[in-house]
Amino acid sequence: MLDLSNDQAAGLRRILGARKSRYVSVLTALEPAQKNLVLLNLAAALVRAGNEVQLLDASLNADGIASCAAQLPTPSLWQLACRQGDAQQAVQPHGPGVRIARLANRPLSELLGQPDDAAKLSQQLQTLSPAGQFCLVDTDLQRDNPFVLPELAQGEMVVLTASTADSIKHAYAQIKALHGQLGRRPFLLMVVGATLAQAEKIQQNIAQAANQYLAVPVRFLGHLPQDEHLARALQLGRPVVEAFPMAGASIALREVAARLLNVGQSQQTAASLLER
């Protein structure tokens, strides 16, 4: 059967013009293994929608997304910035259309001592993710603050939460912390391990609190239901959207990817109109 998905994606890019890189920072209230599973499967869903995806570990955690690479991505982007190396040396491929890299090997607060250090690292980041690519950034605010980089500070923010009370509180606390640092900005919420109805209710509650106390909009990105196909796909070493495309988890991930794409296209279209 003829696959028109790539042709359609290419046609859309021609209509909209050259796309800018998409930097999407992920704040998580999930356990590391569950968070990594979500990131890898979301990346695969974005690839199936015609995108290339760079997974960037900015968490400094031993169990961050970089731990999912076949080999630990070495050197980090910061190490390459120091010696003016090629950013592609930081990359480890992880399946079709997906690559993994590390931002740094120590907290940026310890590394960015000179005025031009952040600019050097930003240049490496831009080279790592050329125009049109998605860059999903694994963050941990308790370990490091990658938002000193303008690409991430000005990018989109996705918050992952489970349906438990502790996870929801942690998710809101991260929204509050980043609001205190970067000011008012929208957040996208994805609820993991919940039904659609449960996820929408959780989003409504978090959005109400964030609007009332922070004047911050929290929009619904989607949900990922409990689905045995996720574990089965993991055992096979394949994304669930590829191994079991009609599973409930696969359908939900494609919907999340579509919403994420629509958010970015709307923002870039508005920006291009302002530039004219």
Protein backbone atom coordinates (compact mmCIF):
# COMPACT_ATOMS: atom_id res chain seq x y z
CA MET A 1 0.00 0.00 0.00
CA LEU A 2 1.28 3.47 -0.86
CA ASP A 3 2.26 5.43 2.25
CA LEU A 4 1.43 9.10 1.76
CA SER A 5 2.22 10.21 5.31
CA ASN A 6 5.71 11.50 4.49
CA ASP A 7 4.48 13.24 1.32
CA GLN A 8 1.69 14.89 3.27
CA ALA A 9 4.08 16.04 6.00
CA ALA A 10 6.48 17.43 3.41
CA GLY A 11 3.64 19.22 1.64
CA LEU A 12 2.50 20.80 4.87
CA ARG A 13 6.02 22.01 5.58
CA ARG A 14 6.19 23.63 2.14
CA ILE A 15 2.86 25.37 2.70
CA LEU A 16 3.84 26.70 6.13
CA GLY A 17 7.39 27.52 5.12
CA ALA A 18 10.54 26.60 6.98
CA ARG A 19 9.81 25.33 10.47
CA LYS A 20 11.75 26.38 13.52
CA SER A 21 13.12 23.94 16.04
CA ARG A 22 10.66 22.95 18.75
CA TYR A 23 12.07 22.86 22.27
CA VAL A 24 9.66 21.10 24.62
CA SER A 25 10.84 20.79 28.22
CA VAL A 26 9.25 18.00 30.23
CA LEU A 27 8.68 18.42 33.97
CA THR A 28 7.71 15.15 35.59
CA ALA A 29 5.93 13.94 38.69
CA LEU A 30 6.37 10.31 37.60
CA GLU A 31 8.82 7.62 38.61
CA PRO A 32 11.90 7.68 36.35
CA ALA A 33 11.17 4.40 34.55
CA GLN A 34 7.60 5.48 33.80
CA LYS A 35 8.75 8.91 32.65
CA ASN A 36 11.32 7.40 30.30
CA LEU A 37 8.69 5.06 28.87
CA VAL A 38 6.40 8.02 28.15
CA LEU A 39 9.17 10.07 26.52
CA LEU A 40 10.35 7.23 24.27
CA ASN A 41 6.84 6.35 23.14
CA LEU A 42 5.86 9.99 22.61
CA ALA A 43 9.01 10.46 20.53
CA ALA A 44 8.02 7.46 18.41
CA ALA A 45 4.51 8.88 17.93
CA LEU A 46 6.00 12.20 16.77
CA VAL A 47 8.27 10.34 14.32
CA ARG A 48 5.27 8.51 12.86
CA ALA A 49 3.68 11.94 12.33
CA GLY A 50 6.61 12.93 10.10
CA ASN A 51 9.06 14.49 12.56
CA GLU A 52 12.60 13.86 13.74
CA VAL A 53 13.01 13.89 17.51
CA GLN A 54 16.00 14.73 19.67
CA LEU A 55 15.73 13.52 23.27
CA LEU A 56 17.95 15.69 25.46
CA ASP A 57 18.79 14.68 29.03
CA ALA A 58 19.14 17.82 31.16
CA SER A 59 18.24 16.06 34.41
CA LEU A 60 21.70 14.98 35.64
CA ASN A 61 20.03 11.82 36.94
CA ALA A 62 21.61 8.39 36.48
CA ASP A 63 18.17 7.14 35.43
CA GLY A 64 17.38 10.05 33.11
CA ILE A 65 16.42 9.54 29.49
CA ALA A 66 20.11 9.18 28.51
CA SER A 67 20.17 5.90 30.44
CA CYS A 68 17.89 4.43 27.75
CA ALA A 69 20.55 4.80 25.05
CA ALA A 70 22.49 1.71 24.00
CA GLN A 71 25.61 3.56 25.15
CA LEU A 72 25.74 6.57 27.45
CA PRO A 73 25.93 9.66 25.19
CA THR A 74 29.48 10.96 25.66
CA PRO A 75 30.64 13.70 25.49
CA SER A 76 27.88 16.05 26.64
CA LEU A 77 26.92 19.18 24.71
CA TRP A 78 28.70 21.31 27.31
CA GLN A 79 31.93 19.37 26.92
CA LEU A 80 31.74 19.87 23.16
CA ALA A 81 30.99 23.58 23.61
CA CYS A 82 34.17 23.95 25.67
CA ARG A 83 36.34 22.56 22.89
CA GLN A 84 34.25 23.85 19.97
CA GLY A 85 33.44 20.31 18.90
CA ASP A 86 30.72 19.05 16.58
CA ALA A 87 27.39 18.74 18.43
CA GLN A 88 26.61 15.56 16.51
CA GLN A 89 29.36 13.81 18.49
CA ALA A 90 27.03 14.01 21.51
CA VAL A 91 24.31 11.97 19.81
CA GLN A 92 23.36 8.32 20.19
CA PRO A 93 20.72 7.02 17.73
CA HIS A 94 17.74 5.29 19.31
CA GLY A 95 15.57 3.81 16.60
CA PRO A 96 14.26 5.45 13.42
CA GLY A 97 14.04 9.22 13.72
CA VAL A 98 15.02 9.37 17.42
CA ARG A 99 18.35 10.44 18.93
CA ILE A 100 19.53 10.85 22.52
CA ALA A 101 22.08 13.31 23.95
CA ARG A 102 23.08 14.83 27.30
CA LEU A 103 23.15 18.57 27.98
CA ALA A 104 25.88 18.55 30.63
CA ASN A 105 27.66 16.33 33.13
CA ARG A 106 27.49 18.85 36.00
CA PRO A 107 24.98 21.53 37.08
CA LEU A 108 24.98 24.51 34.73
CA SER A 109 25.26 26.83 37.73
CA GLU A 110 28.77 25.41 38.24
CA LEU A 111 29.71 25.47 34.56
CA LEU A 112 28.46 28.76 33.14
CA GLY A 113 30.99 31.02 34.84
CA GLN A 114 31.83 33.36 31.95
CA PRO A 115 29.41 35.75 30.20
CA ASP A 116 29.66 33.93 26.87
CA ASP A 117 29.40 30.38 28.25
CA ALA A 118 25.62 30.24 27.91
CA ALA A 119 25.88 31.53 24.33
CA LYS A 120 28.36 28.76 23.47
CA LEU A 121 26.05 26.11 24.89
CA SER A 122 23.05 27.63 23.10
CA GLN A 123 24.94 27.42 19.82
CA GLN A 124 25.63 23.74 20.41
CA LEU A 125 21.96 23.17 21.20
CA GLN A 126 20.87 24.89 18.00
CA THR A 127 23.32 22.80 15.99
CA LEU A 128 22.08 19.64 17.69
CA SER A 129 18.46 20.36 16.77
CA PRO A 130 18.31 21.92 13.30
CA ALA A 131 15.17 23.58 11.98
CA GLY A 132 12.12 21.38 11.94
CA GLN A 133 13.22 18.97 14.66
CA PHE A 134 11.52 18.32 17.95
CA CYS A 135 13.76 18.49 20.99
CA LEU A 136 12.13 16.85 24.03
CA VAL A 137 14.09 17.82 27.14
CA ASP A 138 14.13 15.66 30.26
CA THR A 139 14.44 18.07 33.21
CA ASP A 140 14.71 17.84 37.00
CA LEU A 141 14.52 21.24 38.69
CA GLN A 142 15.88 19.80 41.94
CA ARG A 143 19.11 18.75 40.21
CA ASP A 144 19.73 21.51 37.67
CA ASN A 145 18.22 24.55 36.00
CA PRO A 146 18.50 24.29 32.21
CA PHE A 147 16.19 27.28 31.72
CA VAL A 148 19.14 29.65 31.81
CA LEU A 149 19.30 28.73 28.11
CA PRO A 150 16.92 30.97 26.11
CA GLU A 151 15.90 28.13 23.78
CA LEU A 152 14.45 26.23 26.72
CA ALA A 153 13.17 29.25 28.66
CA GLN A 154 11.20 30.38 25.59
CA GLY A 155 10.09 26.89 24.58
CA GLU A 156 7.05 24.90 25.56
CA MET A 157 6.51 23.26 28.95
CA VAL A 158 4.88 19.86 29.39
CA VAL A 159 4.07 18.49 32.84
CA LEU A 160 3.65 14.73 33.34
CA THR A 161 1.61 13.53 36.29
CA ALA A 162 0.06 10.30 37.50
CA SER A 163 -3.42 10.18 39.00
CA THR A 164 -2.28 9.86 42.62
CA ALA A 165 -2.62 12.74 45.07
CA ASP A 166 1.14 12.91 45.71
CA SER A 167 1.95 13.02 42.00
CA ILE A 168 -0.63 15.74 41.37
CA LYS A 169 0.76 17.84 44.24
CA HIS A 170 4.29 17.39 42.89
CA ALA A 171 3.17 18.42 39.40
CA TYR A 172 1.55 21.60 40.71
CA ALA A 173 4.64 22.38 42.82
CA GLN A 174 6.80 22.24 39.70
CA ILE A 175 4.46 24.57 37.84
CA LYS A 176 4.64 26.97 40.78
CA ALA A 177 8.45 26.76 40.96
CA LEU A 178 8.95 27.42 37.27
CA HIS A 179 6.40 30.24 37.37
CA GLY A 180 8.47 31.86 40.11
CA GLN A 181 11.54 31.65 37.91
CA LEU A 182 10.22 32.46 34.43
CA GLY A 183 6.99 34.32 35.16
CA ARG A 184 3.57 33.72 33.66
CA ARG A 185 3.51 31.23 30.80
CA PRO A 186 1.22 28.41 29.64
CA PHE A 187 1.78 24.78 30.59
CA LEU A 188 0.55 21.60 28.93
CA LEU A 189 -0.52 18.72 31.18
CA MET A 190 -0.39 15.01 30.33
CA VAL A 191 -1.87 12.51 32.78
CA VAL A 192 -0.41 9.00 32.81
CA GLY A 193 -2.17 5.83 33.98
CA ALA A 194 -5.66 7.31 33.95
CA THR A 195 -8.80 7.17 31.85
CA LEU A 196 -9.68 10.15 29.68
CA ALA A 197 -12.40 11.23 32.12
CA GLN A 198 -10.02 10.99 35.09
CA ALA A 199 -7.31 12.88 33.21
CA GLU A 200 -9.65 15.69 32.21
CA LYS A 201 -10.83 16.05 35.82
CA ILE A 202 -7.24 16.22 37.09
CA GLN A 203 -6.39 18.84 34.48
CA GLN A 204 -9.42 20.91 35.46
CA ASN A 205 -8.43 20.85 39.13
CA ILE A 206 -4.79 21.78 38.48
CA ALA A 207 -5.82 24.45 35.97
CA GLN A 208 -8.27 25.96 38.45
CA ALA A 209 -5.63 26.19 41.19
CA ALA A 210 -2.96 27.52 38.82
CA ASN A 211 -5.32 30.16 37.46
CA GLN A 212 -6.56 31.21 40.89
CA TYR A 213 -3.19 31.48 42.65
CA LEU A 214 -0.71 32.06 39.82
CA ALA A 215 -2.80 33.38 36.91
CA VAL A 216 -1.13 30.62 34.87
CA PRO A 217 -3.00 28.69 32.14
CA VAL A 218 -2.65 24.89 32.27
CA ARG A 219 -4.04 23.23 29.15
CA PHE A 220 -4.86 19.60 28.51
CA LEU A 221 -2.32 17.79 26.33
CA GLY A 222 -3.79 14.33 26.74
CA HIS A 223 -3.57 11.11 28.69
CA LEU A 224 -1.91 7.71 28.54
CA PRO A 225 -4.20 4.97 29.86
CA GLN A 226 -3.09 1.85 31.68
CA ASP A 227 -2.50 -0.66 28.90
CA GLU A 228 -0.75 -4.02 28.99
CA HIS A 229 0.47 -3.37 25.45
CA LEU A 230 2.98 -0.85 26.83
CA ALA A 231 4.76 -3.54 28.83
CA ARG A 232 4.56 -6.02 25.96
CA ALA A 233 6.05 -3.50 23.53
CA LEU A 234 8.82 -2.74 26.04
CA GLN A 235 9.67 -6.44 26.23
CA LEU A 236 9.91 -6.48 22.44
CA GLY A 237 12.17 -3.43 22.49
CA ARG A 238 9.76 -1.49 20.27
CA PRO A 239 7.51 1.58 20.70
CA VAL A 240 3.91 0.67 21.35
CA VAL A 241 2.72 2.79 18.38
CA GLU A 242 4.78 0.54 16.11
CA ALA A 243 4.28 -2.84 17.79
CA PHE A 244 0.56 -2.45 18.58
CA PRO A 245 -0.76 0.51 16.56
CA MET A 246 -4.41 -0.11 17.47
CA ALA A 247 -3.85 -0.43 21.22
CA GLY A 248 -5.48 2.14 23.47
CA ALA A 249 -2.07 3.50 24.49
CA SER A 250 -1.06 3.94 20.84
CA ILE A 251 -4.24 5.82 20.00
CA ALA A 252 -3.77 8.10 23.03
CA LEU A 253 -0.12 8.78 22.15
CA ARG A 254 -1.01 9.71 18.57
CA GLU A 255 -3.60 12.14 19.94
CA VAL A 256 -1.01 13.69 22.28
CA ALA A 257 1.46 14.02 19.41
CA ALA A 258 -1.19 15.65 17.22
CA ARG A 259 -2.07 18.19 19.94
CA LEU A 260 1.59 18.98 20.49
CA LEU A 261 2.05 19.53 16.77
CA ASN A 262 -1.02 21.75 16.58
CA VAL A 263 0.19 23.91 19.47
CA GLY A 264 3.51 24.49 17.76
CA GLN A 265 2.04 25.15 14.32
CA SER A 266 -0.37 27.72 15.77
CA GLN A 267 2.46 29.51 17.60
CA GLN A 268 4.78 29.51 14.58
CA THR A 269 2.04 30.70 12.22
CA ALA A 270 1.26 33.58 14.59
CA ALA A 271 4.95 34.44 14.89
CA SER A 272 5.45 34.42 11.12
CA LEU A 273 2.49 36.76 10.65
CA LEU A 274 3.97 39.18 13.19
CA GLU A 275 7.31 39.14 11.35
CA ARG A 276 5.75 40.21 8.04
